C-alpha atoms as a PDB file:
ATOM      1  CA  MET A   1      55.103 -47.944  90.053  1.00  0.00           C
ATOM      2  CA  ALA A   2      58.696 -46.701  91.483  1.00  0.00           C
ATOM      3  CA  ALA A   3      58.988 -46.675  95.152  1.00  0.00           C
ATOM      4  CA  VAL A   4      59.676 -42.531  94.634  1.00  0.00           C
ATOM      5  CA  ASP A   5      56.857 -42.438  92.487  1.00  0.00           C
ATOM      6  CA  ALA A   6      54.700 -44.288  95.814  1.00  0.00           C
ATOM      7  CA  GLN A   7      56.400 -42.365  98.310  1.00  0.00           C
ATOM      8  CA  PHE A   8      55.189 -39.136  96.366  1.00  0.00           C
ATOM      9  CA  TYR A   9      51.829 -40.352  96.192  1.00  0.00           C
ATOM     10  CA  TRP A  10      51.175 -41.252  99.651  1.00  0.00           C
ATOM     11  CA  MET A  11      52.799 -38.198 100.990  1.00  0.00           C
ATOM     12  CA  SER A  12      50.473 -35.930  98.807  1.00  0.00           C
ATOM     13  CA  ALA A  13      47.241 -37.044 101.372  1.00  0.00           C
ATOM     14  CA  LYS A  14      49.230 -35.323 104.210  1.00  0.00           C
ATOM     15  CA  ILE A  15      51.434 -32.912 102.332  1.00  0.00           C
ATOM     16  CA  PRO A  16      50.049 -31.229  99.297  1.00  0.00           C
ATOM     17  CA  ASN A  17      52.742 -31.464  96.362  1.00  0.00           C
ATOM     18  CA  ASP A  18      51.040 -30.499  93.233  1.00  0.00           C
ATOM     19  CA  GLU A  19      53.541 -28.626  90.653  1.00  0.00           C
ATOM     20  CA  PHE A  20      52.295 -25.737  88.768  1.00  0.00           C
ATOM     21  CA  LEU A  21      54.100 -24.550  85.088  1.00  0.00           C
ATOM     22  CA  LEU A  22      52.751 -21.226  83.887  1.00  0.00           C
ATOM     23  CA  TYR A  23      53.048 -20.554  80.525  1.00  0.00           C
ATOM     24  CA  ALA A  24      52.048 -17.208  78.466  1.00  0.00           C
ATOM     25  CA  PHE A  25      51.316 -16.590  74.946  1.00  0.00           C
ATOM     26  CA  ASP A  26      50.749 -13.066  72.782  1.00  0.00           C
ATOM     27  CA  GLY A  27      47.280 -13.306  71.707  1.00  0.00           C
ATOM     28  CA  GLU A  28      43.929 -15.711  72.267  1.00  0.00           C
ATOM     29  CA  PRO A  29      42.293 -18.936  70.620  1.00  0.00           C
ATOM     30  CA  ALA A  30      40.142 -17.923  67.402  1.00  0.00           C
ATOM     31  CA  ASP A  31      38.116 -21.111  68.348  1.00  0.00           C
ATOM     32  CA  TYR A  32      38.362 -22.205  71.710  1.00  0.00           C
ATOM     33  CA  PRO A  33      36.718 -25.194  71.711  1.00  0.00           C
ATOM     34  CA  ARG A  34      38.817 -26.570  69.143  1.00  0.00           C
ATOM     35  CA  ALA A  35      42.256 -25.363  70.551  1.00  0.00           C
ATOM     36  CA  VAL A  36      40.983 -27.843  73.910  1.00  0.00           C
ATOM     37  CA  GLU A  37      40.171 -30.688  71.570  1.00  0.00           C
ATOM     38  CA  ARG A  38      43.613 -30.366  69.259  1.00  0.00           C
ATOM     39  CA  LEU A  39      45.376 -29.936  72.442  1.00  0.00           C
ATOM     40  CA  CYS A  40      43.586 -33.174  74.158  1.00  0.00           C
ATOM     41  CA  GLY A  41      44.369 -35.421  70.994  1.00  0.00           C
ATOM     42  CA  ARG A  42      47.735 -34.160  71.538  1.00  0.00           C
ATOM     43  CA  ALA A  43      47.865 -34.801  75.176  1.00  0.00           C
ATOM     44  CA  SER A  44      46.244 -38.032  73.913  1.00  0.00           C
ATOM     45  CA  ALA A  45      49.471 -39.352  72.104  1.00  0.00           C
ATOM     46  CA  GLU A  46      51.851 -38.337  74.917  1.00  0.00           C
ATOM     47  CA  PRO A  47      51.878 -41.116  77.068  1.00  0.00           C
ATOM     48  CA  ALA A  48      53.301 -39.897  80.090  1.00  0.00           C
ATOM     49  CA  LEU A  49      49.911 -37.682  80.297  1.00  0.00           C
ATOM     50  CA  THR A  50      47.604 -41.049  79.690  1.00  0.00           C
ATOM     51  CA  ILE A  51      48.020 -42.772  82.702  1.00  0.00           C
ATOM     52  CA  ARG A  52      46.719 -42.000  86.312  1.00  0.00           C
ATOM     53  CA  VAL A  53      47.211 -44.327  89.727  1.00  0.00           C
ATOM     54  CA  LYS A  54      45.627 -47.465  90.711  1.00  0.00           C
ATOM     55  CA  ASP A  55      45.601 -47.365  94.255  1.00  0.00           C
ATOM     56  CA  ARG A  56      45.718 -50.996  95.395  1.00  0.00           C
ATOM     57  CA  GLY A  57      45.144 -51.064  98.826  1.00  0.00           C
ATOM     58  CA  ARG A  58      47.881 -50.517 102.207  1.00  0.00           C
ATOM     59  CA  LEU A  59      49.667 -53.617 101.532  1.00  0.00           C
ATOM     60  CA  ARG A  60      50.844 -53.324  97.652  1.00  0.00           C
ATOM     61  CA  TYR A  61      52.037 -50.444  95.790  1.00  0.00           C
ATOM     62  CA  PRO A  62      49.974 -48.574  93.652  1.00  0.00           C
ATOM     63  CA  ARG A  63      50.497 -48.527  90.196  1.00  0.00           C
ATOM     64  CA  TRP A  64      50.527 -46.299  87.121  1.00  0.00           C
ATOM     65  CA  VAL A  65      47.121 -47.400  84.474  1.00  0.00           C
ATOM     66  CA  PRO A  66      46.266 -46.191  81.404  1.00  0.00           C
ATOM     67  CA  ALA A  67      43.663 -43.466  81.334  1.00  0.00           C
ATOM     68  CA  ALA A  68      41.879 -41.256  78.539  1.00  0.00           C
ATOM     69  CA  VAL A  69      42.925 -37.946  78.223  1.00  0.00           C
ATOM     70  CA  THR A  70      39.425 -36.170  78.665  1.00  0.00           C
ATOM     71  CA  PRO A  71      37.899 -31.874  77.781  1.00  0.00           C
ATOM     72  CA  GLU A  72      37.309 -31.842  81.873  1.00  0.00           C
ATOM     73  CA  GLN A  73      41.128 -31.861  82.145  1.00  0.00           C
ATOM     74  CA  VAL A  74      41.078 -28.483  80.230  1.00  0.00           C
ATOM     75  CA  VAL A  75      39.656 -25.858  82.689  1.00  0.00           C
ATOM     76  CA  ARG A  76      39.148 -22.237  81.410  1.00  0.00           C
ATOM     77  CA  GLN A  77      39.472 -20.301  84.258  1.00  0.00           C
ATOM     78  CA  GLU A  78      37.275 -16.944  85.033  1.00  0.00           C
ATOM     79  CA  LEU A  79      39.247 -13.647  85.772  1.00  0.00           C
ATOM     80  CA  ALA A  80      38.225 -10.975  88.401  1.00  0.00           C
ATOM     81  CA  HIS A  81      40.562  -8.933  86.855  1.00  0.00           C
ATOM     82  CA  ASP A  82      41.608 -10.266  82.957  1.00  0.00           C
ATOM     83  CA  SER A  83      45.196  -8.305  84.347  1.00  0.00           C
ATOM     84  CA  TRP A  84      48.940 -10.227  84.660  1.00  0.00           C
ATOM     85  CA  ASP A  85      48.218  -9.912  88.343  1.00  0.00           C
ATOM     86  CA  GLY A  86      45.177 -11.101  88.634  1.00  0.00           C
ATOM     87  CA  VAL A  87      46.195 -14.354  86.809  1.00  0.00           C
ATOM     88  CA  LEU A  88      49.028 -14.527  89.296  1.00  0.00           C
ATOM     89  CA  ALA A  89      46.466 -14.237  91.851  1.00  0.00           C
ATOM     90  CA  ALA A  90      44.218 -17.019  90.612  1.00  0.00           C
ATOM     91  CA  VAL A  91      47.230 -18.960  89.913  1.00  0.00           C
ATOM     92  CA  ALA A  92      48.413 -19.110  93.717  1.00  0.00           C
ATOM     93  CA  CYS A  93      44.850 -20.365  94.561  1.00  0.00           C
ATOM     94  CA  LEU A  94      45.339 -22.773  92.667  1.00  0.00           C
ATOM     95  CA  ALA A  95      46.756 -24.627  95.084  1.00  0.00           C
ATOM     96  CA  ASP A  96      44.238 -24.938  96.670  1.00  0.00           C
ATOM     97  CA  ASP A  97      42.723 -27.756  95.025  1.00  0.00           C
ATOM     98  CA  GLN A  98      45.114 -30.488  94.529  1.00  0.00           C
ATOM     99  CA  LEU A  99      44.740 -33.348  91.985  1.00  0.00           C
ATOM    100  CA  ASP A 100      43.505 -36.592  92.896  1.00  0.00           C
ATOM    101  CA  ILE A 101      45.550 -38.449  90.849  1.00  0.00           C
ATOM    102  CA  ARG A 102      43.695 -41.634  91.223  1.00  0.00           C
ATOM    103  CA  ARG A 103      41.102 -39.662  88.739  1.00  0.00           C
ATOM    104  CA  MET A 104      43.758 -37.349  86.588  1.00  0.00           C
ATOM    105  CA  ALA A 105      47.510 -36.727  86.715  1.00  0.00           C
ATOM    106  CA  TRP A 106      47.472 -32.946  85.380  1.00  0.00           C
ATOM    107  CA  ARG A 107      44.994 -31.036  84.582  1.00  0.00           C
ATOM    108  CA  LEU A 108      45.503 -27.606  82.310  1.00  0.00           C
ATOM    109  CA  HIS A 109      43.971 -24.284  83.566  1.00  0.00           C
ATOM    110  CA  VAL A 110      43.418 -21.564  80.847  1.00  0.00           C
ATOM    111  CA  PHE A 111      43.175 -18.015  81.579  1.00  0.00           C
ATOM    112  CA  THR A 112      42.327 -15.612  78.424  1.00  0.00           C
ATOM    113  CA  PRO A 113      41.712 -13.325  77.376  1.00  0.00           C
ATOM    114  CA  VAL A 114      45.095 -11.777  80.058  1.00  0.00           C
ATOM    115  CA  ARG A 115      46.005  -8.061  79.057  1.00  0.00           C
ATOM    116  CA  GLY A 116      49.629  -6.935  80.466  1.00  0.00           C
ATOM    117  CA  ILE A 117      51.622  -9.978  80.073  1.00  0.00           C
ATOM    118  CA  PRO A 118      55.171  -8.902  79.779  1.00  0.00           C
ATOM    119  CA  GLY A 119      56.248  -8.473  76.668  1.00  0.00           C
ATOM    120  CA  VAL A 120      53.028  -8.867  74.850  1.00  0.00           C
ATOM    121  CA  ALA A 121      51.685  -5.772  73.330  1.00  0.00           C
ATOM    122  CA  GLY A 122      47.713  -7.152  73.589  1.00  0.00           C
ATOM    123  CA  PRO A 123      45.352 -10.011  75.169  1.00  0.00           C
ATOM    124  CA  GLY A 124      47.188 -13.010  75.434  1.00  0.00           C
ATOM    125  CA  THR A 125      46.493 -16.859  77.008  1.00  0.00           C
ATOM    126  CA  VAL A 126      47.918 -18.076  80.153  1.00  0.00           C
ATOM    127  CA  ALA A 127      48.254 -21.711  80.412  1.00  0.00           C
ATOM    128  CA  VAL A 128      49.115 -23.433  84.046  1.00  0.00           C
ATOM    129  CA  LEU A 129      50.323 -27.066  83.687  1.00  0.00           C
ATOM    130  CA  GLN A 130      49.250 -28.606  87.227  1.00  0.00           C
ATOM    131  CA  VAL A 131      51.051 -31.869  87.652  1.00  0.00           C
ATOM    132  CA  ALA A 132      50.921 -34.644  90.442  1.00  0.00           C
ATOM    133  CA  HIS A 133      54.586 -34.436  91.839  1.00  0.00           C
ATOM    134  CA  ALA A 134      54.460 -38.206  91.420  1.00  0.00           C
ATOM    135  CA  LEU A 135      53.944 -38.206  87.617  1.00  0.00           C
ATOM    136  CA  ALA A 136      56.062 -34.977  87.342  1.00  0.00           C
ATOM    137  CA  ASP A 137      59.306 -35.805  89.431  1.00  0.00           C
ATOM    138  CA  GLY A 138      58.816 -39.860  89.728  1.00  0.00           C
ATOM    139  CA  ALA A 139      60.566 -42.471  87.560  1.00  0.00           C
ATOM    140  CA  ARG A 140      57.742 -43.727  86.528  1.00  0.00           C
ATOM    141  CA  SER A 141      58.299 -47.493  86.138  1.00  0.00           C
END
């Protein structure tokens, strides 16, 4: 693991630093379980999404190790209000649950149906990728 990755990993214990990337889509998945299955298959083909951290103790650098993509990394979130404002409020709360990068380096939160997405006439879907800072902005070596 590169020094910058290790620094982000160690700092995350005291300073939460997960990143959240929000994507909005017109429409809803016709078959949500199948959509999750396909998403996991595609994620499994991307090397950056198939790793996690192995912490080797206080005197050694942690390292990246292979990790299987699992359906548990895709979380369907229930909204109190199925509106764009409801999604934004829910996304603000996601930061309260930081990733344990030793278990998984990313998680996808899915909100559907969502009404009132800017530029979308009917119900849509919002996907929020939560990714550990060490994975997203590090050097990965």
